[in-house]
Amino acid sequence: MQQAALRVAVTGNIGSGKSTLARMFEEFGACRVDADAVSRRVVTESTALQQQLAAAFGAELLDQEGHLDRRGLARRALADAAGRQLLEDLIRPHLQPVLEAELASAGLARPIIVLDAPHVFEWKIEDWFDRIFVVSADMGVADARVAASRDLSLEEVRERRAAQLSDGERRGSFEVVDNNGSLDDLRSMAERIWQDLADAPGAG
């Protein structure tokens, strides 16, 4: 009987470097599931969901060919707490079953699977995982990283950060990875964490 894979979640606020850490684990041998990519696919493949989102946030978000303006949706939905909650309520029922299936499939391929996700505690899925790592960086450091790597305004970055819990608001069992240093510093930490994960029961 195949032993269950070790499930690991890597989360953190925008610009923290969570995806960089998750990709390092992938490089070391983990099967990485990208929650953002899964979410984009779920929205793209569901005409019904796109129509629900357009009905909630503006019909003009759909072009003449029925394509959803995802950036425009984010600007509207993340502008306030009510919009953020409505977005979650519409997307989560479609997303979570697919995410569960992706993790189950990944567990058949590799002994360690890593979910790279901006929302773990917000989605209340922390009990899906054996280990959770929260990547943390000071706001100035995170903003500089986003400015260097993504086509987002500072206002958009702050809107997306507001949709996530702060480091102090997260509750439960998780381990913090301080990513205020260099990429080499993060890699050194990633190597140490990976060795610990690889030595865990079920990861061999």
N, C-alpha and C. Protein backbone atom coordinates (compact mmCIF):
# COMPACT_ATOMS: atom_id res chain seq x y z
N MET A 1 0.85 -1.20 0.00
CA MET A 1 0.00 0.00 0.00
C MET A 1 0.88 1.25 0.00
N GLN A 2 0.59 2.19 -0.91
CA GLN A 2 1.39 3.40 -1.00
C GLN A 2 1.15 4.30 0.20
N GLN A 3 2.27 4.79 0.76
CA GLN A 3 2.17 5.68 1.91
C GLN A 3 1.71 7.05 1.44
N ALA A 4 0.90 7.72 2.24
CA ALA A 4 0.39 9.04 1.88
C ALA A 4 1.54 10.03 1.78
N ALA A 5 1.45 10.90 0.80
CA ALA A 5 2.47 11.92 0.61
C ALA A 5 2.43 12.93 1.75
N LEU A 6 3.58 13.53 2.00
CA LEU A 6 3.67 14.62 2.97
C LEU A 6 3.14 15.89 2.31
N ARG A 7 2.13 16.48 2.93
CA ARG A 7 1.52 17.69 2.36
C ARG A 7 2.07 18.93 3.07
N VAL A 8 2.57 19.85 2.26
CA VAL A 8 3.18 21.08 2.77
C VAL A 8 2.51 22.27 2.10
N ALA A 9 2.18 23.29 2.87
CA ALA A 9 1.66 24.54 2.30
C ALA A 9 2.69 25.63 2.51
N VAL A 10 2.89 26.44 1.46
CA VAL A 10 3.74 27.63 1.56
C VAL A 10 2.86 28.83 1.24
N THR A 11 2.75 29.74 2.18
CA THR A 11 1.91 30.91 1.99
C THR A 11 2.64 32.15 2.47
N GLY A 12 2.03 33.29 2.30
CA GLY A 12 2.66 34.55 2.70
C GLY A 12 2.04 35.67 1.90
N ASN A 13 2.22 36.88 2.36
CA ASN A 13 1.62 38.03 1.69
C ASN A 13 2.36 38.38 0.41
N ILE A 14 1.73 39.17 -0.44
CA ILE A 14 2.31 39.53 -1.73
C ILE A 14 3.69 40.15 -1.54
N GLY A 15 4.65 39.66 -2.32
CA GLY A 15 6.02 40.16 -2.24
C GLY A 15 6.87 39.50 -1.17
N SER A 16 6.29 38.58 -0.42
CA SER A 16 7.05 37.94 0.66
C SER A 16 8.11 36.98 0.14
N GLY A 17 7.86 36.40 -1.04
CA GLY A 17 8.77 35.42 -1.59
C GLY A 17 8.28 34.00 -1.42
N LYS A 18 6.98 33.83 -1.16
CA LYS A 18 6.44 32.49 -0.94
C LYS A 18 6.60 31.60 -2.17
N SER A 19 6.35 32.15 -3.34
CA SER A 19 6.47 31.34 -4.56
C SER A 19 7.92 30.99 -4.85
N THR A 20 8.82 31.88 -4.50
CA THR A 20 10.25 31.57 -4.67
C THR A 20 10.64 30.39 -3.81
N LEU A 21 10.18 30.38 -2.56
CA LEU A 21 10.47 29.26 -1.68
C LEU A 21 9.82 27.98 -2.20
N ALA A 22 8.58 28.08 -2.64
CA ALA A 22 7.88 26.89 -3.15
C ALA A 22 8.57 26.32 -4.38
N ARG A 23 9.06 27.21 -5.25
CA ARG A 23 9.78 26.73 -6.44
C ARG A 23 11.11 26.09 -6.07
N MET A 24 11.74 26.55 -5.01
CA MET A 24 12.96 25.90 -4.53
C MET A 24 12.66 24.48 -4.08
N PHE A 25 11.56 24.32 -3.34
CA PHE A 25 11.17 22.96 -2.92
C PHE A 25 10.90 22.09 -4.15
N GLU A 26 10.28 22.68 -5.17
CA GLU A 26 10.03 21.94 -6.41
C GLU A 26 11.35 21.51 -7.04
N GLU A 27 12.30 22.41 -7.04
CA GLU A 27 13.63 22.11 -7.59
C GLU A 27 14.29 20.96 -6.83
N PHE A 28 14.04 20.90 -5.53
CA PHE A 28 14.65 19.85 -4.71
C PHE A 28 13.95 18.50 -4.88
N GLY A 29 12.73 18.51 -5.46
CA GLY A 29 12.05 17.24 -5.68
C GLY A 29 10.58 17.19 -5.34
N ALA A 30 10.03 18.27 -4.80
CA ALA A 30 8.60 18.28 -4.46
C ALA A 30 7.75 18.43 -5.71
N CYS A 31 6.50 18.03 -5.62
CA CYS A 31 5.51 18.31 -6.66
C CYS A 31 4.77 19.57 -6.21
N ARG A 32 4.92 20.67 -6.96
CA ARG A 32 4.32 21.94 -6.56
C ARG A 32 2.98 22.14 -7.24
N VAL A 33 1.98 22.51 -6.45
CA VAL A 33 0.67 22.88 -6.98
C VAL A 33 0.52 24.39 -6.78
N ASP A 34 0.34 25.10 -7.86
CA ASP A 34 0.25 26.56 -7.86
C ASP A 34 -1.23 26.95 -7.75
N ALA A 35 -1.64 27.42 -6.58
CA ALA A 35 -3.06 27.74 -6.37
C ALA A 35 -3.53 28.87 -7.27
N ASP A 36 -2.66 29.85 -7.55
CA ASP A 36 -3.06 30.94 -8.43
C ASP A 36 -3.34 30.42 -9.84
N ALA A 37 -2.48 29.51 -10.32
CA ALA A 37 -2.68 28.95 -11.66
C ALA A 37 -3.96 28.12 -11.72
N VAL A 38 -4.23 27.36 -10.66
CA VAL A 38 -5.46 26.57 -10.60
C VAL A 38 -6.67 27.49 -10.60
N SER A 39 -6.59 28.57 -9.83
CA SER A 39 -7.70 29.52 -9.76
C SER A 39 -7.96 30.16 -11.13
N ARG A 40 -6.89 30.54 -11.83
CA ARG A 40 -7.06 31.13 -13.17
C ARG A 40 -7.73 30.13 -14.11
N ARG A 41 -7.31 28.87 -14.02
CA ARG A 41 -7.89 27.85 -14.89
C ARG A 41 -9.37 27.62 -14.57
N VAL A 42 -9.70 27.59 -13.29
CA VAL A 42 -11.09 27.38 -12.89
C VAL A 42 -11.98 28.50 -13.44
N VAL A 43 -11.51 29.74 -13.31
CA VAL A 43 -12.30 30.87 -13.81
C VAL A 43 -12.40 30.83 -15.33
N THR A 44 -11.27 30.55 -16.00
CA THR A 44 -11.25 30.54 -17.46
C THR A 44 -12.17 29.46 -18.04
N GLU A 45 -12.22 28.31 -17.37
CA GLU A 45 -12.97 27.18 -17.91
C GLU A 45 -14.45 27.18 -17.53
N SER A 46 -14.85 28.08 -16.64
CA SER A 46 -16.25 28.10 -16.21
C SER A 46 -16.95 29.36 -16.70
N THR A 47 -17.71 29.21 -17.76
CA THR A 47 -18.49 30.34 -18.27
C THR A 47 -19.49 30.82 -17.23
N ALA A 48 -20.08 29.88 -16.50
CA ALA A 48 -21.07 30.24 -15.49
C ALA A 48 -20.43 31.11 -14.40
N LEU A 49 -19.22 30.74 -13.98
CA LEU A 49 -18.54 31.53 -12.94
C LEU A 49 -18.18 32.90 -13.47
N GLN A 50 -17.70 32.98 -14.70
CA GLN A 50 -17.37 34.29 -15.27
C GLN A 50 -18.61 35.19 -15.31
N GLN A 51 -19.74 34.62 -15.64
CA GLN A 51 -20.97 35.40 -15.70
C GLN A 51 -21.39 35.85 -14.30
N GLN A 52 -21.19 34.98 -13.30
CA GLN A 52 -21.50 35.35 -11.91
C GLN A 52 -20.62 36.51 -11.47
N LEU A 53 -19.34 36.45 -11.82
CA LEU A 53 -18.40 37.50 -11.43
C LEU A 53 -18.74 38.82 -12.13
N ALA A 54 -19.11 38.73 -13.39
CA ALA A 54 -19.49 39.94 -14.13
C ALA A 54 -20.78 40.53 -13.58
N ALA A 55 -21.71 39.67 -13.19
CA ALA A 55 -22.96 40.16 -12.61
C ALA A 55 -22.72 40.86 -11.29
N ALA A 56 -21.74 40.36 -10.55
CA ALA A 56 -21.46 40.93 -9.22
C ALA A 56 -20.62 42.20 -9.30
N PHE A 57 -19.69 42.25 -10.26
CA PHE A 57 -18.71 43.35 -10.24
C PHE A 57 -18.75 44.25 -11.49
N GLY A 58 -19.62 43.93 -12.45
CA GLY A 58 -19.75 44.80 -13.63
C GLY A 58 -19.73 44.03 -14.92
N ALA A 59 -20.79 44.17 -15.70
CA ALA A 59 -20.91 43.43 -16.96
C ALA A 59 -19.80 43.79 -17.94
N GLU A 60 -19.25 45.02 -17.83
CA GLU A 60 -18.21 45.45 -18.76
C GLU A 60 -16.89 44.70 -18.54
N LEU A 61 -16.81 43.90 -17.47
CA LEU A 61 -15.61 43.09 -17.26
C LEU A 61 -15.51 41.95 -18.26
N LEU A 62 -16.61 41.64 -18.94
CA LEU A 62 -16.60 40.64 -20.01
C LEU A 62 -16.55 41.37 -21.35
N ASP A 63 -15.59 41.00 -22.21
CA ASP A 63 -15.53 41.64 -23.52
C ASP A 63 -16.54 40.97 -24.47
N GLN A 64 -16.54 41.40 -25.72
CA GLN A 64 -17.54 40.91 -26.68
C GLN A 64 -17.40 39.41 -26.95
N GLU A 65 -16.22 38.87 -26.72
CA GLU A 65 -15.99 37.44 -26.92
C GLU A 65 -16.19 36.64 -25.64
N GLY A 66 -16.58 37.35 -24.56
CA GLY A 66 -16.85 36.66 -23.31
C GLY A 66 -15.63 36.45 -22.42
N HIS A 67 -14.51 37.09 -22.74
CA HIS A 67 -13.30 36.96 -21.94
C HIS A 67 -13.35 37.91 -20.74
N LEU A 68 -12.95 37.41 -19.60
CA LEU A 68 -13.02 38.19 -18.37
C LEU A 68 -11.75 39.02 -18.18
N ASP A 69 -11.93 40.28 -17.85
CA ASP A 69 -10.80 41.17 -17.52
C ASP A 69 -10.41 40.90 -16.07
N ARG A 70 -9.42 40.02 -15.88
CA ARG A 70 -9.06 39.60 -14.53
C ARG A 70 -8.44 40.74 -13.72
N ARG A 71 -7.66 41.57 -14.35
CA ARG A 71 -7.06 42.68 -13.62
C ARG A 71 -8.12 43.69 -13.19
N GLY A 72 -9.06 43.97 -14.10
CA GLY A 72 -10.16 44.86 -13.74
C GLY A 72 -11.01 44.28 -12.63
N LEU A 73 -11.23 42.98 -12.68
CA LEU A 73 -11.98 42.30 -11.61
C LEU A 73 -11.26 42.47 -10.28
N ALA A 74 -9.96 42.28 -10.28
CA ALA A 74 -9.19 42.40 -9.03
C ALA A 74 -9.30 43.82 -8.47
N ARG A 75 -9.20 44.81 -9.35
CA ARG A 75 -9.28 46.20 -8.87
C ARG A 75 -10.62 46.47 -8.20
N ARG A 76 -11.69 45.95 -8.75
CA ARG A 76 -13.02 46.19 -8.18
C ARG A 76 -13.28 45.33 -6.94
N ALA A 77 -12.94 44.06 -7.04
CA ALA A 77 -13.27 43.14 -5.95
C ALA A 77 -12.43 43.39 -4.71
N LEU A 78 -11.20 43.82 -4.90
CA LEU A 78 -10.30 43.97 -3.75
C LEU A 78 -10.32 45.38 -3.17
N ALA A 79 -11.19 46.22 -3.67
CA ALA A 79 -11.22 47.61 -3.22
C ALA A 79 -11.72 47.77 -1.80
N ASP A 80 -12.56 46.84 -1.34
CA ASP A 80 -13.06 46.94 0.03
C ASP A 80 -13.37 45.54 0.57
N ALA A 81 -13.64 45.47 1.86
CA ALA A 81 -13.83 44.17 2.51
C ALA A 81 -15.04 43.43 1.96
N ALA A 82 -16.12 44.16 1.65
CA ALA A 82 -17.32 43.51 1.12
C ALA A 82 -17.05 42.88 -0.24
N GLY A 83 -16.30 43.58 -1.08
CA GLY A 83 -15.96 43.04 -2.38
C GLY A 83 -15.06 41.82 -2.28
N ARG A 84 -14.11 41.89 -1.37
CA ARG A 84 -13.20 40.75 -1.18
C ARG A 84 -13.97 39.51 -0.72
N GLN A 85 -14.93 39.72 0.19
CA GLN A 85 -15.71 38.59 0.69
C GLN A 85 -16.60 38.01 -0.41
N LEU A 86 -17.19 38.88 -1.21
CA LEU A 86 -18.05 38.41 -2.30
C LEU A 86 -17.24 37.61 -3.31
N LEU A 87 -16.03 38.08 -3.63
CA LEU A 87 -15.17 37.36 -4.56
C LEU A 87 -14.85 35.96 -4.02
N GLU A 88 -14.50 35.89 -2.75
CA GLU A 88 -14.22 34.59 -2.13
C GLU A 88 -15.44 33.68 -2.18
N ASP A 89 -16.59 34.24 -1.85
CA ASP A 89 -17.82 33.43 -1.82
C ASP A 89 -18.17 32.87 -3.20
N LEU A 90 -17.86 33.61 -4.25
CA LEU A 90 -18.17 33.16 -5.59
C LEU A 90 -17.16 32.13 -6.12
N ILE A 91 -15.90 32.36 -5.84
CA ILE A 91 -14.85 31.51 -6.43
C ILE A 91 -14.59 30.24 -5.62
N ARG A 92 -14.62 30.34 -4.31
CA ARG A 92 -14.17 29.22 -3.49
C ARG A 92 -14.94 27.92 -3.75
N PRO A 93 -16.27 27.91 -3.89
CA PRO A 93 -16.97 26.64 -4.15
C PRO A 93 -16.51 25.94 -5.42
N HIS A 94 -16.07 26.72 -6.41
CA HIS A 94 -15.58 26.15 -7.66
C HIS A 94 -14.12 25.71 -7.50
N LEU A 95 -13.35 26.48 -6.74
CA LEU A 95 -11.90 26.26 -6.66
C LEU A 95 -11.52 25.10 -5.75
N GLN A 96 -12.12 25.02 -4.56
CA GLN A 96 -11.62 24.06 -3.57
C GLN A 96 -11.70 22.61 -4.01
N PRO A 97 -12.78 22.15 -4.66
CA PRO A 97 -12.78 20.75 -5.12
C PRO A 97 -11.68 20.47 -6.13
N VAL A 98 -11.41 21.43 -7.01
CA VAL A 98 -10.35 21.25 -8.01
C VAL A 98 -8.99 21.21 -7.32
N LEU A 99 -8.81 22.09 -6.34
CA LEU A 99 -7.55 22.13 -5.60
C LEU A 99 -7.32 20.82 -4.85
N GLU A 100 -8.37 20.29 -4.24
CA GLU A 100 -8.26 19.00 -3.56
C GLU A 100 -7.86 17.90 -4.54
N ALA A 101 -8.45 17.90 -5.72
CA ALA A 101 -8.14 16.89 -6.73
C ALA A 101 -6.70 17.02 -7.21
N GLU A 102 -6.23 18.26 -7.37
CA GLU A 102 -4.85 18.49 -7.80
C GLU A 102 -3.86 17.96 -6.76
N LEU A 103 -4.15 18.21 -5.50
CA LEU A 103 -3.26 17.74 -4.44
C LEU A 103 -3.26 16.21 -4.36
N ALA A 104 -4.43 15.61 -4.52
CA ALA A 104 -4.52 14.15 -4.49
C ALA A 104 -3.73 13.54 -5.63
N SER A 105 -3.85 14.13 -6.81
CA SER A 105 -3.12 13.64 -7.97
C SER A 105 -1.62 13.81 -7.79
N ALA A 106 -1.21 14.97 -7.25
CA ALA A 106 0.21 15.22 -7.02
C ALA A 106 0.79 14.22 -6.04
N GLY A 107 -0.02 13.82 -5.05
CA GLY A 107 0.45 12.88 -4.04
C GLY A 107 0.74 11.49 -4.59
N LEU A 108 0.19 11.18 -5.77
CA LEU A 108 0.47 9.89 -6.41
C LEU A 108 1.80 9.93 -7.14
N ALA A 109 2.28 11.15 -7.44
CA ALA A 109 3.49 11.30 -8.25
C ALA A 109 4.75 11.49 -7.42
N ARG A 110 4.64 12.16 -6.30
CA ARG A 110 5.82 12.49 -5.49
C ARG A 110 5.52 12.28 -4.01
N PRO A 111 6.54 11.96 -3.20
CA PRO A 111 6.30 11.77 -1.77
C PRO A 111 6.08 13.06 -0.99
N ILE A 112 6.48 14.19 -1.58
CA ILE A 112 6.26 15.49 -0.91
C ILE A 112 5.56 16.40 -1.91
N ILE A 113 4.42 16.96 -1.51
CA ILE A 113 3.71 17.90 -2.37
C ILE A 113 3.62 19.24 -1.64
N VAL A 114 3.73 20.29 -2.43
CA VAL A 114 3.76 21.65 -1.89
C VAL A 114 2.68 22.48 -2.56
N LEU A 115 1.79 23.04 -1.76
CA LEU A 115 0.81 23.99 -2.28
C LEU A 115 1.38 25.39 -2.12
N ASP A 116 1.50 26.08 -3.23
CA ASP A 116 1.96 27.47 -3.26
C ASP A 116 0.70 28.33 -3.35
N ALA A 117 0.31 28.96 -2.23
CA ALA A 117 -1.00 29.63 -2.19
C ALA A 117 -0.97 30.92 -1.38
N PRO A 118 -1.59 31.98 -1.89
CA PRO A 118 -1.67 33.21 -1.11
C PRO A 118 -2.65 33.11 0.05
N HIS A 119 -3.62 32.19 -0.07
CA HIS A 119 -4.64 32.02 0.97
C HIS A 119 -4.66 30.56 1.43
N VAL A 120 -4.32 30.35 2.67
CA VAL A 120 -4.46 29.03 3.29
C VAL A 120 -5.35 29.18 4.52
N PHE A 121 -4.96 30.08 5.39
CA PHE A 121 -5.77 30.34 6.60
C PHE A 121 -7.07 31.05 6.22
N GLU A 122 -7.00 31.94 5.20
CA GLU A 122 -8.19 32.65 4.78
C GLU A 122 -9.23 31.68 4.23
N TRP A 123 -8.78 30.63 3.55
CA TRP A 123 -9.68 29.63 2.99
C TRP A 123 -10.05 28.55 4.00
N LYS A 124 -9.40 28.61 5.18
CA LYS A 124 -9.64 27.62 6.24
C LYS A 124 -9.35 26.19 5.77
N ILE A 125 -8.21 26.04 5.09
CA ILE A 125 -7.80 24.71 4.60
C ILE A 125 -6.51 24.26 5.28
N GLU A 126 -6.18 24.90 6.39
CA GLU A 126 -4.90 24.56 7.04
C GLU A 126 -4.85 23.12 7.51
N ASP A 127 -6.02 22.52 7.79
CA ASP A 127 -6.00 21.13 8.26
C ASP A 127 -5.76 20.13 7.13
N TRP A 128 -5.59 20.61 5.90
CA TRP A 128 -5.24 19.73 4.79
C TRP A 128 -3.75 19.35 4.83
N PHE A 129 -2.96 20.05 5.65
CA PHE A 129 -1.51 19.97 5.51
C PHE A 129 -0.81 19.46 6.78
N ASP A 130 0.32 18.78 6.54
CA ASP A 130 1.16 18.30 7.64
C ASP A 130 2.06 19.42 8.17
N ARG A 131 2.52 20.28 7.26
CA ARG A 131 3.38 21.40 7.65
C ARG A 131 2.94 22.64 6.86
N ILE A 132 2.97 23.78 7.52
CA ILE A 132 2.64 25.05 6.87
C ILE A 132 3.78 26.03 7.14
N PHE A 133 4.28 26.63 6.07
CA PHE A 133 5.33 27.64 6.19
C PHE A 133 4.77 28.98 5.72
N VAL A 134 4.88 29.98 6.59
CA VAL A 134 4.46 31.34 6.26
C VAL A 134 5.72 32.16 5.99
N VAL A 135 5.88 32.60 4.75
CA VAL A 135 7.04 33.41 4.39
C VAL A 135 6.72 34.86 4.72
N SER A 136 7.62 35.49 5.44
CA SER A 136 7.38 36.84 5.95
C SER A 136 8.48 37.79 5.49
N ALA A 137 8.07 39.00 5.10
CA ALA A 137 9.03 40.05 4.73
C ALA A 137 8.45 41.39 5.13
N ASP A 138 9.31 42.31 5.51
CA ASP A 138 8.86 43.65 5.85
C ASP A 138 8.17 44.28 4.63
N MET A 139 7.22 45.18 4.88
CA MET A 139 6.41 45.73 3.81
C MET A 139 7.26 46.42 2.75
N GLY A 140 8.26 47.19 3.18
CA GLY A 140 9.12 47.89 2.22
C GLY A 140 9.88 46.93 1.33
N VAL A 141 10.38 45.85 1.92
CA VAL A 141 11.10 44.83 1.15
C VAL A 141 10.15 44.17 0.16
N ALA A 142 8.95 43.81 0.63
CA ALA A 142 7.96 43.15 -0.23
C ALA A 142 7.54 44.06 -1.38
N ASP A 143 7.30 45.34 -1.09
CA ASP A 143 6.89 46.28 -2.14
C ASP A 143 7.97 46.41 -3.21
N ALA A 144 9.24 46.46 -2.79
CA ALA A 144 10.35 46.58 -3.74
C ALA A 144 10.42 45.34 -4.63
N ARG A 145 10.18 44.17 -4.07
CA ARG A 145 10.22 42.94 -4.87
C ARG A 145 9.11 42.95 -5.92
N VAL A 146 7.90 43.35 -5.52
CA VAL A 146 6.79 43.36 -6.46
C VAL A 146 7.05 44.38 -7.56
N ALA A 147 7.57 45.55 -7.20
CA ALA A 147 7.86 46.58 -8.19
C ALA A 147 8.87 46.10 -9.22
N ALA A 148 9.80 45.24 -8.79
CA ALA A 148 10.85 44.75 -9.69
C ALA A 148 10.39 43.59 -10.56
N SER A 149 9.31 42.92 -10.15
CA SER A 149 8.97 41.67 -10.85
C SER A 149 7.57 41.62 -11.45
N ARG A 150 6.69 42.54 -11.07
CA ARG A 150 5.31 42.44 -11.53
C ARG A 150 4.79 43.79 -11.98
N ASP A 151 3.90 43.78 -12.97
CA ASP A 151 3.31 45.00 -13.51
C ASP A 151 2.08 45.39 -12.70
N LEU A 152 2.35 45.79 -11.45
CA LEU A 152 1.27 46.21 -10.56
C LEU A 152 1.64 47.55 -9.94
N SER A 153 0.66 48.42 -9.80
CA SER A 153 0.90 49.68 -9.11
C SER A 153 0.97 49.43 -7.60
N LEU A 154 1.52 50.40 -6.87
CA LEU A 154 1.61 50.26 -5.43
C LEU A 154 0.21 50.15 -4.83
N GLU A 155 -0.76 50.85 -5.41
CA GLU A 155 -2.14 50.77 -4.92
C GLU A 155 -2.69 49.36 -5.10
N GLU A 156 -2.41 48.74 -6.26
CA GLU A 156 -2.88 47.37 -6.50
C GLU A 156 -2.22 46.39 -5.54
N VAL A 157 -0.94 46.60 -5.26
CA VAL A 157 -0.24 45.73 -4.30
C VAL A 157 -0.90 45.82 -2.94
N ARG A 158 -1.22 47.04 -2.52
CA ARG A 158 -1.84 47.22 -1.20
C ARG A 158 -3.25 46.63 -1.17
N GLU A 159 -3.98 46.72 -2.27
CA GLU A 159 -5.32 46.11 -2.32
C GLU A 159 -5.21 44.60 -2.17
N ARG A 160 -4.24 44.00 -2.83
CA ARG A 160 -4.08 42.55 -2.76
C ARG A 160 -3.58 42.12 -1.38
N ARG A 161 -2.74 42.93 -0.78
CA ARG A 161 -2.27 42.61 0.57
C ARG A 161 -3.43 42.68 1.56
N ALA A 162 -4.34 43.62 1.35
CA ALA A 162 -5.47 43.77 2.26
C ALA A 162 -6.40 42.56 2.21
N ALA A 163 -6.34 41.81 1.10
CA ALA A 163 -7.19 40.62 0.97
C ALA A 163 -6.62 39.43 1.74
N GLN A 164 -5.41 39.58 2.27
CA GLN A 164 -4.77 38.50 3.02
C GLN A 164 -4.69 38.86 4.49
N LEU A 165 -4.62 37.82 5.32
CA LEU A 165 -4.38 38.06 6.73
C LEU A 165 -2.97 38.58 6.92
N SER A 166 -2.79 39.44 7.91
CA SER A 166 -1.42 39.85 8.25
C SER A 166 -0.75 38.73 9.02
N ASP A 167 0.57 38.82 9.15
CA ASP A 167 1.31 37.79 9.88
C ASP A 167 0.78 37.63 11.30
N GLY A 168 0.38 38.74 11.90
CA GLY A 168 -0.10 38.68 13.28
C GLY A 168 -1.51 38.14 13.42
N GLU A 169 -2.26 38.09 12.30
CA GLU A 169 -3.66 37.63 12.36
C GLU A 169 -3.79 36.13 12.15
N ARG A 170 -2.76 35.49 11.65
CA ARG A 170 -2.85 34.05 11.39
C ARG A 170 -2.81 33.29 12.70
N ARG A 171 -3.63 32.27 12.79
CA ARG A 171 -3.72 31.45 13.99
C ARG A 171 -3.56 29.99 13.61
N GLY A 172 -2.97 29.23 14.51
CA GLY A 172 -2.80 27.80 14.25
C GLY A 172 -1.34 27.41 14.26
N SER A 173 -1.08 26.23 13.77
CA SER A 173 0.28 25.69 13.78
C SER A 173 0.95 25.97 12.45
N PHE A 174 1.95 26.83 12.47
CA PHE A 174 2.71 27.12 11.26
C PHE A 174 4.11 27.59 11.65
N GLU A 175 5.00 27.56 10.67
CA GLU A 175 6.39 27.95 10.88
C GLU A 175 6.69 29.17 10.02
N VAL A 176 7.33 30.15 10.60
CA VAL A 176 7.62 31.40 9.89
C VAL A 176 9.01 31.33 9.26
N VAL A 177 9.08 31.73 7.99
CA VAL A 177 10.35 31.83 7.28
C VAL A 177 10.61 33.31 7.04
N ASP A 178 11.62 33.87 7.71
CA ASP A 178 11.95 35.29 7.59
C ASP A 178 12.72 35.51 6.28
N ASN A 179 12.09 36.22 5.35
CA ASN A 179 12.71 36.43 4.04
C ASN A 179 13.03 37.90 3.80
N ASN A 180 13.71 38.50 4.75
CA ASN A 180 14.16 39.88 4.60
C ASN A 180 15.59 39.96 4.07
N GLY A 181 16.22 38.81 3.88
CA GLY A 181 17.60 38.80 3.41
C GLY A 181 17.69 38.59 1.90
N SER A 182 18.81 38.02 1.49
CA SER A 182 19.07 37.82 0.07
C SER A 182 18.47 36.52 -0.42
N LEU A 183 18.52 36.32 -1.74
CA LEU A 183 18.05 35.08 -2.34
C LEU A 183 18.90 33.91 -1.85
N ASP A 184 20.19 34.14 -1.67
CA ASP A 184 21.07 33.09 -1.15
C ASP A 184 20.69 32.71 0.28
N ASP A 185 20.30 33.71 1.07
CA ASP A 185 19.85 33.43 2.44
C ASP A 185 18.61 32.54 2.41
N LEU A 186 17.67 32.85 1.52
CA LEU A 186 16.45 32.06 1.42
C LEU A 186 16.78 30.64 0.97
N ARG A 187 17.68 30.51 0.02
CA ARG A 187 18.04 29.17 -0.45
C ARG A 187 18.66 28.34 0.67
N SER A 188 19.49 28.96 1.49
CA SER A 188 20.08 28.23 2.61
C SER A 188 19.01 27.72 3.56
N MET A 189 18.02 28.59 3.86
CA MET A 189 16.92 28.17 4.71
C MET A 189 16.11 27.07 4.04
N ALA A 190 15.87 27.22 2.74
CA ALA A 190 15.10 26.22 2.00
C ALA A 190 15.77 24.86 2.04
N GLU A 191 17.09 24.84 1.91
CA GLU A 191 17.82 23.57 1.93
C GLU A 191 17.69 22.89 3.29
N ARG A 192 17.77 23.70 4.37
CA ARG A 192 17.63 23.12 5.71
C ARG A 192 16.22 22.58 5.93
N ILE A 193 15.22 23.35 5.50
CA ILE A 193 13.83 22.91 5.65
C ILE A 193 13.59 21.65 4.83
N TRP A 194 14.12 21.64 3.60
CA TRP A 194 13.90 20.49 2.73
C TRP A 194 14.48 19.21 3.34
N GLN A 195 15.65 19.32 3.92
CA GLN A 195 16.25 18.14 4.54
C GLN A 195 15.37 17.62 5.66
N ASP A 196 14.80 18.55 6.42
CA ASP A 196 13.88 18.15 7.51
C ASP A 196 12.64 17.48 6.93
N LEU A 197 12.10 18.03 5.84
CA LEU A 197 10.92 17.44 5.20
C LEU A 197 11.24 16.06 4.64
N ALA A 198 12.39 15.94 4.01
CA ALA A 198 12.76 14.67 3.40
C ALA A 198 12.99 13.58 4.42
N ASP A 199 13.36 13.97 5.63
CA ASP A 199 13.61 12.99 6.71
C ASP A 199 12.32 12.60 7.43
N ALA A 200 11.21 13.30 7.13
CA ALA A 200 9.96 13.03 7.85
C ALA A 200 9.36 11.70 7.41
N PRO A 201 8.65 11.02 8.32
CA PRO A 201 7.96 9.79 7.94
C PRO A 201 7.00 10.04 6.79
N GLY A 202 7.00 9.15 5.80
CA GLY A 202 6.11 9.29 4.67
C GLY A 202 6.71 10.06 3.52
N ALA A 203 7.89 10.69 3.75
CA ALA A 203 8.49 11.49 2.69
C ALA A 203 9.56 10.73 1.93
N GLY A 204 9.86 9.53 2.39
CA GLY A 204 10.93 8.78 1.75
C GLY A 204 10.47 8.02 0.53
